[in-house]
Amino acid sequence: MKPQTLFVAGATVAVVAVIAVGLVLNGPPAEVRRQRLDEQRIAHLTAISHAVDAIWRADRRLPENLDVLGHDARFRYVRPRDPVTGEAYEYRVTGAQSYELCANFDTTGTGTDSAPDVPFWNHGPGRHCFMFTAQPAESPLR
């Protein structure tokens, strides 16, 4: 065989091996995309919880709904809607200082990239609600 043919064959085998290892380690592209979307949902819920906490600190009351976030320039970074469906995340006041946020997830998630060992954000596929208590100061766990 010619050296060029051997090089092309070897390079092809190497590329196929790298792709196979990538699929084994990361999963199929569609699954990775679903995981990334769930991570984005958690990031949205985290930002919403920080905004609700800020409102509680300022007013000593929880907002009735998340519409207030769209009317306050301080919260322009907050995304109160699912990145795929465009549906608003569920928000419900459960007490004077407590509330829940709900979202629909595609995968099982454990923690977040910034806090991978915090079990608070654990969820399975489907609808999951997280319970919050408005915090007087920023909480490092959310």
N, C-alpha and C. Protein backbone atom coordinates (compact mmCIF):
# COMPACT_ATOMS: atom_id res chain seq x y z
N MET A 1 0.83 -1.18 0.00
CA MET A 1 0.00 0.00 0.00
C MET A 1 0.87 1.25 0.00
N LYS A 2 0.35 2.29 -0.59
CA LYS A 2 1.07 3.55 -0.63
C LYS A 2 1.00 4.20 0.74
N PRO A 3 2.01 4.97 1.12
CA PRO A 3 1.99 5.67 2.42
C PRO A 3 0.80 6.62 2.54
N GLN A 4 0.41 7.25 1.42
CA GLN A 4 -0.73 8.17 1.47
C GLN A 4 -2.02 7.42 1.80
N THR A 5 -2.19 6.25 1.24
CA THR A 5 -3.38 5.46 1.50
C THR A 5 -3.42 5.02 2.95
N LEU A 6 -2.27 4.61 3.49
CA LEU A 6 -2.20 4.23 4.89
C LEU A 6 -2.52 5.42 5.79
N PHE A 7 -2.03 6.58 5.44
CA PHE A 7 -2.29 7.79 6.25
C PHE A 7 -3.78 8.12 6.24
N VAL A 8 -4.40 8.09 5.07
CA VAL A 8 -5.84 8.39 4.97
C VAL A 8 -6.65 7.36 5.75
N ALA A 9 -6.31 6.10 5.63
CA ALA A 9 -7.03 5.05 6.37
C ALA A 9 -6.86 5.25 7.87
N GLY A 10 -5.64 5.53 8.30
CA GLY A 10 -5.37 5.76 9.73
C GLY A 10 -6.10 6.98 10.26
N ALA A 11 -6.12 8.05 9.48
CA ALA A 11 -6.82 9.27 9.89
C ALA A 11 -8.32 9.02 9.98
N THR A 12 -8.85 8.26 9.05
CA THR A 12 -10.29 7.95 9.06
C THR A 12 -10.64 7.15 10.30
N VAL A 13 -9.84 6.14 10.61
CA VAL A 13 -10.08 5.33 11.81
C VAL A 13 -10.00 6.21 13.06
N ALA A 14 -9.04 7.11 13.12
CA ALA A 14 -8.89 8.00 14.27
C ALA A 14 -10.12 8.90 14.44
N VAL A 15 -10.60 9.47 13.36
CA VAL A 15 -11.77 10.36 13.42
C VAL A 15 -13.00 9.58 13.87
N VAL A 16 -13.20 8.40 13.33
CA VAL A 16 -14.34 7.57 13.73
C VAL A 16 -14.23 7.21 15.21
N ALA A 17 -13.05 6.89 15.67
CA ALA A 17 -12.84 6.55 17.08
C ALA A 17 -13.15 7.73 17.99
N VAL A 18 -12.71 8.91 17.62
CA VAL A 18 -12.98 10.12 18.42
C VAL A 18 -14.48 10.39 18.48
N ILE A 19 -15.16 10.26 17.37
CA ILE A 19 -16.62 10.46 17.35
C ILE A 19 -17.31 9.43 18.24
N ALA A 20 -16.90 8.17 18.16
CA ALA A 20 -17.50 7.11 18.97
C ALA A 20 -17.29 7.37 20.45
N VAL A 21 -16.08 7.76 20.82
CA VAL A 21 -15.80 8.06 22.23
C VAL A 21 -16.63 9.25 22.69
N GLY A 22 -16.76 10.26 21.86
CA GLY A 22 -17.59 11.42 22.20
C GLY A 22 -19.04 11.05 22.44
N LEU A 23 -19.58 10.18 21.59
CA LEU A 23 -20.96 9.73 21.77
C LEU A 23 -21.12 8.90 23.04
N VAL A 24 -20.14 8.08 23.35
CA VAL A 24 -20.22 7.26 24.56
C VAL A 24 -20.15 8.15 25.80
N LEU A 25 -19.24 9.11 25.81
CA LEU A 25 -19.06 9.96 26.99
C LEU A 25 -20.18 10.98 27.16
N ASN A 26 -20.65 11.58 26.09
CA ASN A 26 -21.63 12.66 26.17
C ASN A 26 -23.05 12.23 25.84
N GLY A 27 -23.21 11.13 25.18
CA GLY A 27 -24.53 10.71 24.76
C GLY A 27 -24.83 11.24 23.38
N PRO A 28 -25.94 10.80 22.81
CA PRO A 28 -26.31 11.26 21.48
C PRO A 28 -26.59 12.77 21.49
N PRO A 29 -26.40 13.44 20.38
CA PRO A 29 -26.60 14.89 20.33
C PRO A 29 -27.98 15.34 20.81
N ALA A 30 -29.02 14.60 20.50
CA ALA A 30 -30.36 14.99 20.93
C ALA A 30 -30.48 14.96 22.45
N GLU A 31 -29.88 13.97 23.08
CA GLU A 31 -29.92 13.87 24.55
C GLU A 31 -29.12 15.01 25.18
N VAL A 32 -27.98 15.31 24.62
CA VAL A 32 -27.16 16.42 25.13
C VAL A 32 -27.94 17.73 25.00
N ARG A 33 -28.65 17.90 23.91
CA ARG A 33 -29.45 19.12 23.71
C ARG A 33 -30.55 19.20 24.77
N ARG A 34 -31.23 18.10 25.06
CA ARG A 34 -32.28 18.10 26.09
C ARG A 34 -31.70 18.44 27.46
N GLN A 35 -30.52 17.91 27.76
CA GLN A 35 -29.87 18.22 29.04
C GLN A 35 -29.51 19.71 29.13
N ARG A 36 -29.01 20.26 28.05
CA ARG A 36 -28.66 21.69 28.03
C ARG A 36 -29.90 22.57 28.20
N LEU A 37 -31.00 22.17 27.58
CA LEU A 37 -32.25 22.92 27.74
C LEU A 37 -32.74 22.86 29.19
N ASP A 38 -32.61 21.70 29.82
CA ASP A 38 -32.99 21.60 31.23
C ASP A 38 -32.08 22.46 32.11
N GLU A 39 -30.81 22.51 31.79
CA GLU A 39 -29.90 23.38 32.53
C GLU A 39 -30.30 24.84 32.35
N GLN A 40 -30.74 25.18 31.15
CA GLN A 40 -31.21 26.55 30.89
C GLN A 40 -32.47 26.84 31.71
N ARG A 41 -33.35 25.85 31.82
CA ARG A 41 -34.56 26.04 32.64
C ARG A 41 -34.18 26.30 34.09
N ILE A 42 -33.22 25.54 34.60
CA ILE A 42 -32.77 25.75 35.99
C ILE A 42 -32.17 27.14 36.14
N ALA A 43 -31.40 27.59 35.16
CA ALA A 43 -30.83 28.94 35.21
C ALA A 43 -31.94 29.99 35.24
N HIS A 44 -32.99 29.78 34.45
CA HIS A 44 -34.13 30.70 34.45
C HIS A 44 -34.80 30.72 35.82
N LEU A 45 -35.05 29.53 36.39
CA LEU A 45 -35.71 29.46 37.70
C LEU A 45 -34.85 30.11 38.78
N THR A 46 -33.54 29.94 38.68
CA THR A 46 -32.64 30.58 39.64
C THR A 46 -32.76 32.09 39.55
N ALA A 47 -32.73 32.63 38.34
CA ALA A 47 -32.85 34.08 38.15
C ALA A 47 -34.20 34.59 38.65
N ILE A 48 -35.26 33.82 38.38
CA ILE A 48 -36.59 34.21 38.86
C ILE A 48 -36.60 34.25 40.38
N SER A 49 -36.03 33.23 41.02
CA SER A 49 -36.03 33.20 42.49
C SER A 49 -35.25 34.37 43.07
N HIS A 50 -34.15 34.75 42.45
CA HIS A 50 -33.39 35.91 42.93
C HIS A 50 -34.20 37.20 42.76
N ALA A 51 -34.93 37.31 41.66
CA ALA A 51 -35.76 38.49 41.43
C ALA A 51 -36.90 38.55 42.44
N VAL A 52 -37.54 37.42 42.70
CA VAL A 52 -38.62 37.39 43.69
C VAL A 52 -38.08 37.74 45.07
N ASP A 53 -36.89 37.24 45.40
CA ASP A 53 -36.26 37.59 46.68
C ASP A 53 -36.01 39.10 46.76
N ALA A 54 -35.55 39.69 45.67
CA ALA A 54 -35.29 41.13 45.65
C ALA A 54 -36.58 41.93 45.86
N ILE A 55 -37.64 41.49 45.24
CA ILE A 55 -38.94 42.15 45.43
C ILE A 55 -39.38 42.01 46.88
N TRP A 56 -39.21 40.83 47.45
CA TRP A 56 -39.60 40.62 48.84
C TRP A 56 -38.79 41.50 49.78
N ARG A 57 -37.48 41.60 49.52
CA ARG A 57 -36.63 42.45 50.37
C ARG A 57 -37.06 43.91 50.29
N ALA A 58 -37.44 44.36 49.10
CA ALA A 58 -37.82 45.76 48.91
C ALA A 58 -39.21 46.06 49.46
N ASP A 59 -40.16 45.16 49.25
CA ASP A 59 -41.57 45.43 49.58
C ASP A 59 -42.09 44.65 50.78
N ARG A 60 -41.33 43.68 51.24
CA ARG A 60 -41.75 42.77 52.30
C ARG A 60 -43.05 42.04 51.95
N ARG A 61 -43.19 41.79 50.65
CA ARG A 61 -44.30 40.98 50.16
C ARG A 61 -43.85 40.33 48.86
N LEU A 62 -44.44 39.19 48.57
CA LEU A 62 -44.13 38.48 47.33
C LEU A 62 -45.02 39.01 46.21
N PRO A 63 -44.51 39.02 44.99
CA PRO A 63 -45.36 39.45 43.88
C PRO A 63 -46.50 38.46 43.67
N GLU A 64 -47.63 38.96 43.20
CA GLU A 64 -48.77 38.09 42.94
C GLU A 64 -48.50 37.15 41.76
N ASN A 65 -47.76 37.66 40.78
CA ASN A 65 -47.42 36.85 39.61
C ASN A 65 -46.09 37.35 39.05
N LEU A 66 -45.62 36.69 38.01
CA LEU A 66 -44.31 37.03 37.45
C LEU A 66 -44.38 38.16 36.42
N ASP A 67 -45.57 38.67 36.14
CA ASP A 67 -45.70 39.77 35.18
C ASP A 67 -44.90 40.99 35.64
N VAL A 68 -44.77 41.17 36.94
CA VAL A 68 -44.04 42.32 37.47
C VAL A 68 -42.59 42.33 36.99
N LEU A 69 -42.03 41.17 36.71
CA LEU A 69 -40.64 41.10 36.26
C LEU A 69 -40.43 41.79 34.92
N GLY A 70 -41.45 41.75 34.08
CA GLY A 70 -41.35 42.38 32.77
C GLY A 70 -41.49 43.89 32.80
N HIS A 71 -41.95 44.43 33.94
CA HIS A 71 -42.19 45.87 34.06
C HIS A 71 -41.12 46.58 34.87
N ASP A 72 -40.09 45.86 35.29
CA ASP A 72 -39.05 46.44 36.14
C ASP A 72 -37.70 46.25 35.45
N ALA A 73 -37.01 47.35 35.17
CA ALA A 73 -35.74 47.29 34.45
C ALA A 73 -34.69 46.47 35.20
N ARG A 74 -34.81 46.36 36.53
CA ARG A 74 -33.83 45.57 37.29
C ARG A 74 -33.86 44.10 36.88
N PHE A 75 -34.96 43.65 36.34
CA PHE A 75 -35.12 42.22 36.05
C PHE A 75 -35.16 41.92 34.56
N ARG A 76 -34.56 42.76 33.75
CA ARG A 76 -34.59 42.55 32.30
C ARG A 76 -33.84 41.28 31.88
N TYR A 77 -32.97 40.79 32.74
CA TYR A 77 -32.21 39.57 32.45
C TYR A 77 -33.02 38.30 32.75
N VAL A 78 -34.12 38.45 33.45
CA VAL A 78 -34.91 37.29 33.88
C VAL A 78 -35.76 36.79 32.71
N ARG A 79 -35.72 35.48 32.49
CA ARG A 79 -36.50 34.85 31.43
C ARG A 79 -37.58 33.99 32.08
N PRO A 80 -38.81 34.50 32.18
CA PRO A 80 -39.86 33.75 32.87
C PRO A 80 -40.60 32.74 31.99
N ARG A 81 -40.02 32.39 30.84
CA ARG A 81 -40.68 31.47 29.92
C ARG A 81 -39.75 30.32 29.53
N ASP A 82 -40.36 29.18 29.27
CA ASP A 82 -39.62 28.00 28.84
C ASP A 82 -38.93 28.28 27.50
N PRO A 83 -37.66 27.87 27.35
CA PRO A 83 -36.93 28.18 26.11
C PRO A 83 -37.44 27.43 24.89
N VAL A 84 -38.20 26.36 25.07
CA VAL A 84 -38.70 25.59 23.93
C VAL A 84 -40.15 25.93 23.63
N THR A 85 -41.00 25.83 24.65
CA THR A 85 -42.44 26.00 24.43
C THR A 85 -42.88 27.45 24.47
N GLY A 86 -42.10 28.31 25.13
CA GLY A 86 -42.50 29.71 25.29
C GLY A 86 -43.55 29.90 26.38
N GLU A 87 -43.97 28.81 27.01
CA GLU A 87 -44.94 28.89 28.10
C GLU A 87 -44.28 29.51 29.33
N ALA A 88 -45.06 30.28 30.09
CA ALA A 88 -44.55 30.87 31.33
C ALA A 88 -44.31 29.76 32.35
N TYR A 89 -43.23 29.91 33.13
CA TYR A 89 -43.01 28.99 34.24
C TYR A 89 -44.11 29.22 35.26
N GLU A 90 -44.48 28.18 35.97
CA GLU A 90 -45.51 28.30 36.98
C GLU A 90 -44.93 28.93 38.24
N TYR A 91 -45.66 29.88 38.80
CA TYR A 91 -45.28 30.56 40.04
C TYR A 91 -46.52 30.60 40.91
N ARG A 92 -46.36 30.20 42.16
CA ARG A 92 -47.49 30.22 43.07
C ARG A 92 -47.01 30.60 44.45
N VAL A 93 -47.66 31.61 45.04
CA VAL A 93 -47.37 32.01 46.41
C VAL A 93 -48.02 30.99 47.32
N THR A 94 -47.23 30.47 48.28
CA THR A 94 -47.75 29.45 49.19
C THR A 94 -47.80 29.93 50.64
N GLY A 95 -47.28 31.12 50.91
CA GLY A 95 -47.27 31.68 52.26
C GLY A 95 -46.77 33.10 52.20
N ALA A 96 -46.68 33.76 53.35
CA ALA A 96 -46.25 35.15 53.39
C ALA A 96 -44.85 35.34 52.81
N GLN A 97 -44.02 34.33 52.97
CA GLN A 97 -42.64 34.43 52.50
C GLN A 97 -42.24 33.23 51.64
N SER A 98 -43.19 32.36 51.32
CA SER A 98 -42.86 31.14 50.58
C SER A 98 -43.62 31.09 49.26
N TYR A 99 -42.99 30.41 48.30
CA TYR A 99 -43.56 30.28 46.97
C TYR A 99 -42.95 29.07 46.29
N GLU A 100 -43.55 28.68 45.18
CA GLU A 100 -43.00 27.59 44.39
C GLU A 100 -42.89 28.00 42.94
N LEU A 101 -41.90 27.43 42.29
CA LEU A 101 -41.69 27.60 40.86
C LEU A 101 -41.70 26.21 40.23
N CYS A 102 -42.42 26.09 39.13
CA CYS A 102 -42.54 24.78 38.47
C CYS A 102 -42.13 24.90 37.00
N ALA A 103 -41.57 23.80 36.50
CA ALA A 103 -41.19 23.74 35.08
C ALA A 103 -41.33 22.30 34.62
N ASN A 104 -41.40 22.12 33.32
CA ASN A 104 -41.40 20.80 32.71
C ASN A 104 -40.00 20.51 32.20
N PHE A 105 -39.46 19.37 32.59
CA PHE A 105 -38.10 18.99 32.22
C PHE A 105 -38.13 17.79 31.28
N ASP A 106 -37.10 17.69 30.48
CA ASP A 106 -36.98 16.60 29.51
C ASP A 106 -36.14 15.44 30.03
N THR A 107 -35.26 15.70 31.00
CA THR A 107 -34.30 14.69 31.46
C THR A 107 -34.29 14.66 32.99
N THR A 108 -33.51 13.75 33.53
CA THR A 108 -33.24 13.73 34.96
C THR A 108 -32.03 14.61 35.20
N GLY A 109 -32.17 15.54 36.13
CA GLY A 109 -31.08 16.46 36.41
C GLY A 109 -30.68 16.42 37.86
N THR A 110 -29.38 16.57 38.09
CA THR A 110 -28.84 16.61 39.45
C THR A 110 -27.94 17.81 39.57
N GLY A 111 -28.40 18.81 40.28
CA GLY A 111 -27.59 19.99 40.48
C GLY A 111 -27.52 20.86 39.24
N THR A 112 -26.57 21.78 39.25
CA THR A 112 -26.33 22.68 38.13
C THR A 112 -24.84 22.73 37.86
N ASP A 113 -24.45 23.34 36.76
CA ASP A 113 -23.03 23.46 36.45
C ASP A 113 -22.29 24.24 37.53
N SER A 114 -22.94 25.30 38.07
CA SER A 114 -22.28 26.13 39.07
C SER A 114 -22.32 25.49 40.47
N ALA A 115 -23.27 24.60 40.72
CA ALA A 115 -23.37 23.93 42.01
C ALA A 115 -23.80 22.48 41.79
N PRO A 116 -22.90 21.64 41.25
CA PRO A 116 -23.29 20.29 40.84
C PRO A 116 -23.69 19.38 41.98
N ASP A 117 -23.30 19.68 43.21
CA ASP A 117 -23.61 18.80 44.32
C ASP A 117 -24.74 19.32 45.20
N VAL A 118 -25.46 20.33 44.74
CA VAL A 118 -26.59 20.87 45.50
C VAL A 118 -27.85 20.11 45.09
N PRO A 119 -28.37 19.26 45.97
CA PRO A 119 -29.51 18.43 45.58
C PRO A 119 -30.82 19.20 45.41
N PHE A 120 -30.85 20.45 45.80
CA PHE A 120 -32.07 21.25 45.66
C PHE A 120 -32.63 21.17 44.25
N TRP A 121 -31.77 21.21 43.24
CA TRP A 121 -32.20 21.28 41.85
C TRP A 121 -32.43 19.91 41.22
N ASN A 122 -32.39 18.84 41.98
CA ASN A 122 -32.65 17.51 41.42
C ASN A 122 -34.07 17.45 40.87
N HIS A 123 -34.23 16.82 39.75
CA HIS A 123 -35.55 16.67 39.13
C HIS A 123 -35.52 15.49 38.17
N GLY A 124 -36.68 14.96 37.90
CA GLY A 124 -36.84 13.93 36.89
C GLY A 124 -37.47 14.54 35.66
N PRO A 125 -37.71 13.73 34.65
CA PRO A 125 -38.42 14.26 33.48
C PRO A 125 -39.87 14.55 33.84
N GLY A 126 -40.44 15.54 33.17
CA GLY A 126 -41.82 15.94 33.43
C GLY A 126 -41.88 17.17 34.33
N ARG A 127 -43.07 17.44 34.84
CA ARG A 127 -43.31 18.62 35.67
C ARG A 127 -42.69 18.43 37.05
N HIS A 128 -41.96 19.45 37.50
CA HIS A 128 -41.36 19.41 38.83
C HIS A 128 -41.44 20.81 39.43
N CYS A 129 -41.81 20.86 40.71
CA CYS A 129 -41.91 22.14 41.42
C CYS A 129 -40.83 22.23 42.49
N PHE A 130 -40.30 23.42 42.67
CA PHE A 130 -39.29 23.70 43.67
C PHE A 130 -39.88 24.69 44.67
N MET A 131 -39.73 24.40 45.95
CA MET A 131 -40.26 25.25 47.01
C MET A 131 -39.18 26.24 47.45
N PHE A 132 -39.57 27.51 47.62
CA PHE A 132 -38.65 28.56 48.02
C PHE A 132 -39.20 29.31 49.23
N THR A 133 -38.30 29.87 50.01
CA THR A 133 -38.63 30.84 51.03
C THR A 133 -37.84 32.08 50.68
N ALA A 134 -38.53 33.21 50.57
CA ALA A 134 -37.85 34.45 50.20
C ALA A 134 -36.71 34.71 51.18
N GLN A 135 -35.56 35.02 50.64
CA GLN A 135 -34.35 35.17 51.44
C GLN A 135 -34.04 36.65 51.71
N PRO A 136 -33.65 36.98 52.94
CA PRO A 136 -33.30 38.36 53.25
C PRO A 136 -31.99 38.80 52.59
N ALA A 137 -31.15 37.87 52.21
CA ALA A 137 -29.88 38.17 51.53
C ALA A 137 -29.67 37.12 50.46
N GLU A 138 -28.78 37.41 49.51
CA GLU A 138 -28.50 36.45 48.44
C GLU A 138 -28.04 35.13 49.02
N SER A 139 -28.62 34.04 48.54
CA SER A 139 -28.24 32.71 48.99
C SER A 139 -27.25 32.11 48.00
N PRO A 140 -26.12 31.59 48.48
CA PRO A 140 -25.12 31.04 47.56
C PRO A 140 -25.53 29.71 46.95
N LEU A 141 -26.58 29.08 47.44
CA LEU A 141 -26.95 27.76 46.96
C LEU A 141 -27.87 27.80 45.74
N ARG A 142 -28.44 28.94 45.41
CA ARG A 142 -29.33 29.02 44.25
C ARG A 142 -28.70 29.83 43.18
